[in-house]
Amino acid sequence: MTVDVENQTPEHEEDNMAAVRQERTFTLELVFVGVLILIVLAAILEAFTYQLVSSRTPFVAMVPLIILLVFQFFRLLRKGSGETFMRVISQARQKALPELNKVLGFVGWVALLFVTILIFGHYVGIVLFMFLLMRVVAKERLVLTLIIVFCITAILFVLFEYGFDIKLYRGLIHRYFSGYRVF
């Protein structure tokens, strides 16, 4: 379908732009949810290698998450079409989608969180991640950032360590200094 741009009214042009944005948003949501499903599935498969006592934490957090992600993925599939998806993916390959940079940036932040947790553990990883997001991305004041970061981390610590009686992962550095040969 071709659109006669010269004879188009501003209302039609606005409608076309809204439709294009909606198609791009649909595709980006679908890709993002698909990537998250793969990451969470990989984490669940890794959790099966843990002892039962240690695997409680991943299953408590990830099983409901994977259910919600799969539900959202199928909801998105019903909402859009395969043709639209392929057209937008083609545009993304041609670097014509600035929204893709935002999604990839967020995926990069999540990857940074994963690496931080792997090296330093959950609590330090959460502190660093929230601090970076609030200070660098949101540009919040230092005092507000520190208050929120440490309060949320303290709440998570009390909730998991005492409420659920689940010891969250302490990180490779902690394991190394505890005598494990991880390097």
Protein backbone atom coordinates (compact mmCIF):
# COMPACT_ATOMS: atom_id res chain seq x y z
CA MET A 1 0.00 0.00 0.00
CA THR A 2 1.40 3.38 -0.98
CA VAL A 3 0.46 6.60 0.68
CA ASP A 4 0.14 9.87 -1.25
CA VAL A 5 2.14 12.16 1.02
CA GLU A 6 1.40 15.38 -0.91
CA ASN A 7 -2.38 15.06 -0.53
CA GLN A 8 -2.29 13.93 3.05
CA THR A 9 -3.86 16.03 5.77
CA PRO A 10 -2.04 16.58 9.05
CA GLU A 11 -4.55 14.29 10.77
CA HIS A 12 -3.76 11.41 8.40
CA GLU A 13 -0.04 11.97 8.80
CA GLU A 14 -0.44 11.91 12.58
CA ASP A 15 -2.49 8.68 12.36
CA ASN A 16 0.18 7.07 10.16
CA MET A 17 2.94 8.03 12.58
CA ALA A 18 0.92 6.64 15.49
CA ALA A 19 0.41 3.36 13.60
CA VAL A 20 4.14 3.10 12.84
CA ARG A 21 4.99 3.76 16.50
CA GLN A 22 2.49 1.11 17.57
CA GLU A 23 3.98 -1.47 15.18
CA ARG A 24 7.50 -0.72 16.41
CA THR A 25 6.44 -0.88 20.04
CA PHE A 26 4.73 -4.23 19.45
CA THR A 27 7.83 -5.69 17.83
CA LEU A 28 10.20 -4.35 20.46
CA GLU A 29 8.01 -5.68 23.25
CA LEU A 30 7.89 -9.08 21.59
CA VAL A 31 11.68 -9.21 21.15
CA PHE A 32 12.33 -7.97 24.68
CA VAL A 33 9.94 -10.45 26.30
CA GLY A 34 11.41 -13.24 24.16
CA VAL A 35 14.95 -12.39 25.31
CA LEU A 36 13.81 -12.27 28.93
CA ILE A 37 12.16 -15.69 28.57
CA LEU A 38 15.42 -17.14 27.27
CA ILE A 39 17.44 -15.60 30.11
CA VAL A 40 15.04 -16.80 32.80
CA LEU A 41 14.87 -20.29 31.26
CA ALA A 42 18.67 -20.45 31.28
CA ALA A 43 18.66 -19.41 34.94
CA ILE A 44 16.04 -22.04 35.79
CA LEU A 45 18.05 -24.75 34.02
CA GLU A 46 21.11 -23.66 35.99
CA ALA A 47 19.10 -23.81 39.22
CA PHE A 48 18.41 -27.50 38.58
CA THR A 49 22.15 -28.11 39.08
CA TYR A 50 22.00 -26.70 42.65
CA GLN A 51 21.27 -28.72 45.73
CA LEU A 52 17.60 -28.57 46.70
CA VAL A 53 18.28 -26.25 49.65
CA SER A 54 20.07 -23.77 47.40
CA SER A 55 17.60 -23.95 44.54
CA ARG A 56 14.64 -22.65 46.53
CA THR A 57 15.53 -19.02 45.83
CA PRO A 58 15.64 -19.29 42.03
CA PHE A 59 12.43 -21.30 41.91
CA VAL A 60 10.56 -18.96 44.25
CA ALA A 61 11.52 -15.98 42.11
CA MET A 62 11.77 -17.39 38.60
CA VAL A 63 8.86 -19.79 38.25
CA PRO A 64 6.23 -17.06 38.66
CA LEU A 65 8.35 -14.77 36.48
CA ILE A 66 8.55 -17.28 33.63
CA ILE A 67 4.80 -17.88 33.83
CA LEU A 68 4.13 -14.14 33.56
CA LEU A 69 6.62 -13.73 30.71
CA VAL A 70 5.16 -16.61 28.69
CA PHE A 71 1.66 -15.24 29.25
CA GLN A 72 2.79 -11.79 28.07
CA PHE A 73 4.58 -13.27 25.04
CA PHE A 74 1.47 -15.10 23.84
CA ARG A 75 -0.68 -12.07 24.57
CA LEU A 76 1.60 -10.00 22.33
CA LEU A 77 1.55 -12.65 19.60
CA ARG A 78 -2.25 -12.58 19.52
CA LYS A 79 -2.20 -8.77 19.36
CA GLY A 80 0.08 -8.38 16.31
CA SER A 81 0.92 -10.05 13.04
CA GLY A 82 3.96 -11.91 11.78
CA GLU A 83 4.22 -9.66 8.73
CA THR A 84 4.44 -6.56 10.91
CA PHE A 85 7.04 -8.24 13.09
CA MET A 86 9.25 -9.18 10.12
CA ARG A 87 8.95 -5.70 8.54
CA VAL A 88 9.99 -3.96 11.75
CA ILE A 89 12.85 -6.42 12.32
CA SER A 90 14.04 -5.62 8.79
CA GLN A 91 13.96 -1.91 9.65
CA ALA A 92 15.91 -2.63 12.82
CA ARG A 93 18.62 -4.41 10.84
CA GLN A 94 18.88 -1.29 8.66
CA LYS A 95 19.35 0.79 11.84
CA ALA A 96 16.15 2.74 11.20
CA LEU A 97 14.74 2.14 14.70
CA PRO A 98 15.92 4.47 17.46
CA GLU A 99 13.64 2.65 19.92
CA LEU A 100 15.79 -0.45 19.47
CA ASN A 101 18.73 1.39 21.02
CA LYS A 102 16.63 1.97 24.14
CA VAL A 103 15.68 -1.70 24.39
CA LEU A 104 19.25 -2.81 23.79
CA GLY A 105 20.40 -0.31 26.39
CA PHE A 106 18.02 -1.81 28.94
CA VAL A 107 19.16 -5.32 28.05
CA GLY A 108 22.71 -4.05 28.61
CA TRP A 109 21.73 -2.78 32.08
CA VAL A 110 20.23 -6.18 32.92
CA ALA A 111 23.41 -7.90 31.69
CA LEU A 112 25.44 -5.53 33.88
CA LEU A 113 23.25 -6.47 36.85
CA PHE A 114 23.84 -10.17 36.12
CA VAL A 115 27.61 -9.76 35.93
CA THR A 116 27.64 -7.63 39.08
CA ILE A 117 25.63 -10.23 41.00
CA LEU A 118 27.85 -13.01 39.67
CA ILE A 119 31.01 -11.29 40.88
CA PHE A 120 29.90 -9.43 44.02
CA GLY A 121 26.67 -11.17 45.06
CA HIS A 122 23.03 -10.14 45.23
CA TYR A 123 23.22 -7.45 47.88
CA VAL A 124 26.24 -5.60 46.50
CA GLY A 125 24.91 -6.07 42.97
CA ILE A 126 21.54 -4.61 43.87
CA VAL A 127 23.14 -1.66 45.64
CA LEU A 128 25.43 -0.88 42.69
CA PHE A 129 22.69 -1.40 40.11
CA MET A 130 20.13 0.81 41.86
CA PHE A 131 22.76 3.45 42.56
CA LEU A 132 23.82 3.58 38.90
CA LEU A 133 20.26 3.69 37.63
CA MET A 134 19.19 6.40 40.05
CA ARG A 135 22.34 8.54 39.80
CA VAL A 136 23.39 8.06 36.16
CA VAL A 137 20.13 7.41 34.34
CA ALA A 138 17.54 9.21 36.47
CA LYS A 139 19.98 11.87 37.74
CA GLU A 140 18.50 11.85 41.24
CA ARG A 141 20.09 13.69 44.15
CA LEU A 142 22.81 11.79 46.00
CA VAL A 143 21.05 11.84 49.38
CA LEU A 144 17.77 10.53 47.95
CA THR A 145 19.63 7.87 45.98
CA LEU A 146 21.55 6.65 49.02
CA ILE A 147 18.45 6.55 51.23
CA ILE A 148 16.42 4.57 48.70
CA VAL A 149 19.26 2.21 47.76
CA PHE A 150 20.12 1.26 51.32
CA CYS A 151 16.49 1.04 52.51
CA ILE A 152 15.48 -1.27 49.65
CA THR A 153 18.58 -3.41 50.15
CA ALA A 154 17.91 -3.65 53.91
CA ILE A 155 14.29 -4.64 53.24
CA LEU A 156 15.42 -7.34 50.78
CA PHE A 157 18.04 -8.59 53.25
CA VAL A 158 15.54 -8.90 56.10
CA LEU A 159 12.88 -10.39 53.84
CA PHE A 160 15.10 -13.09 52.34
CA GLU A 161 17.52 -13.83 55.19
CA TYR A 162 14.98 -13.83 58.02
CA GLY A 163 11.52 -13.91 56.42
CA PHE A 164 12.10 -16.66 53.84
CA ASP A 165 15.23 -18.06 55.51
CA ILE A 166 16.94 -18.00 52.10
CA LYS A 167 20.59 -17.06 51.76
CA LEU A 168 21.03 -15.12 48.53
CA TYR A 169 24.13 -15.67 46.43
CA ARG A 170 27.17 -13.89 47.91
CA GLY A 171 29.28 -13.70 44.75
CA LEU A 172 32.48 -15.19 43.39
CA ILE A 173 34.70 -12.89 45.46
CA HIS A 174 33.02 -13.97 48.70
CA ARG A 175 33.30 -17.62 47.67
CA TYR A 176 36.99 -17.17 46.84
CA PHE A 177 37.77 -15.66 50.25
CA SER A 178 35.68 -18.40 51.92
CA GLY A 179 38.11 -20.99 50.58
CA TYR A 180 36.42 -22.16 47.38
CA ARG A 181 38.55 -22.44 44.26
CA VAL A 182 36.49 -20.42 41.82
CA PHE A 183 39.30 -18.87 39.79
